[in-house]
Amino acid sequence: MSLSPEERMRRARFVRLHLIVALFALLVLIAANALFTSRYPWWLWVLAAWLPLIAIHKAWSMGLFERNELDRNKEGS
């Protein structure tokens, strides 16, 4: 199944919003880390947890999780 250009653009907007929220949250967490516990960079754990989520969201926006019409025809036969 191929995504329409409008659907690709809509999904890309969601990914960009996700990335902007993640970057803003990380900036706040890095600042909090620097103020309170600068010896241990605990914000890296948040980064390590959030990056795979953004990668999965990007793959979804590209249509990588969509089922092909050929797969659907095989199941129906």
Protein backbone atom coordinates (compact mmCIF):
# COMPACT_ATOMS: atom_id res chain seq x y z
CA MET A 1 0.00 0.00 0.00
CA SER A 2 1.48 3.30 -1.07
CA LEU A 3 0.88 6.43 0.95
CA SER A 4 -0.57 9.47 -0.73
CA PRO A 5 1.58 12.62 -0.73
CA GLU A 6 -0.90 14.31 1.62
CA GLU A 7 -0.68 11.43 4.09
CA ARG A 8 3.12 11.49 3.95
CA MET A 9 3.12 15.23 4.67
CA ARG A 10 0.67 14.81 7.56
CA ARG A 11 2.77 12.05 9.08
CA ALA A 12 5.98 14.03 8.57
CA ARG A 13 4.44 16.95 10.51
CA PHE A 14 3.74 14.61 13.44
CA VAL A 15 7.34 13.39 13.41
CA ARG A 16 8.68 16.95 13.32
CA LEU A 17 6.45 17.88 16.26
CA HIS A 18 7.67 14.79 18.14
CA LEU A 19 11.29 15.77 17.45
CA ILE A 20 10.74 19.39 18.54
CA VAL A 21 9.08 18.30 21.79
CA ALA A 22 11.90 15.82 22.44
CA LEU A 23 14.61 18.42 21.85
CA PHE A 24 12.88 21.00 24.04
CA ALA A 25 12.38 18.46 26.83
CA LEU A 26 16.02 17.40 26.60
CA LEU A 27 17.19 21.02 26.79
CA VAL A 28 15.15 21.48 29.96
CA LEU A 29 16.48 18.23 31.42
CA ILE A 30 20.08 19.10 30.54
CA ALA A 31 19.68 22.46 32.28
CA ALA A 32 18.13 20.79 35.34
CA ASN A 33 20.94 18.24 35.36
CA ALA A 34 23.56 20.99 35.20
CA LEU A 35 21.93 22.86 38.08
CA PHE A 36 21.29 19.99 40.48
CA THR A 37 23.46 16.95 39.71
CA SER A 38 26.13 17.98 37.26
CA ARG A 39 28.45 15.10 38.12
CA TYR A 40 26.15 12.44 36.65
CA PRO A 41 24.58 13.02 33.21
CA TRP A 42 21.25 11.26 33.86
CA TRP A 43 19.59 13.06 30.93
CA LEU A 44 21.43 10.59 28.66
CA TRP A 45 19.03 7.87 29.86
CA VAL A 46 16.11 9.95 28.63
CA LEU A 47 17.88 10.48 25.31
CA ALA A 48 18.59 6.76 24.98
CA ALA A 49 14.93 5.94 25.64
CA TRP A 50 13.52 8.63 23.36
CA LEU A 51 15.68 8.07 20.26
CA PRO A 52 14.23 4.64 19.37
CA LEU A 53 10.73 6.07 19.75
CA ILE A 54 11.54 8.83 17.28
CA ALA A 55 13.11 6.29 14.90
CA ILE A 56 9.98 4.11 15.03
CA HIS A 57 7.80 7.18 14.52
CA LYS A 58 9.89 8.14 11.47
CA ALA A 59 9.58 4.63 10.04
CA TRP A 60 5.80 4.84 10.51
CA SER A 61 5.71 8.19 8.73
CA MET A 62 7.57 6.67 5.78
CA GLY A 63 5.01 3.88 5.57
CA LEU A 64 7.38 1.07 6.51
CA PHE A 65 4.75 -0.60 8.68
CA GLU A 66 2.06 -0.56 6.00
CA ARG A 67 1.06 -3.92 4.59
CA ASN A 68 1.55 -4.52 0.89
CA GLU A 69 -1.39 -5.37 -1.33
CA LEU A 70 0.44 -8.57 -2.34
CA ASP A 71 0.50 -9.71 1.30
CA ARG A 72 -3.21 -9.02 1.60
CA ASN A 73 -3.97 -11.03 -1.55
CA LYS A 74 -1.97 -14.00 -0.25
CA GLU A 75 -3.96 -14.04 2.99
CA GLY A 76 -7.28 -13.85 1.15
CA SER A 77 -6.58 -16.82 -1.12
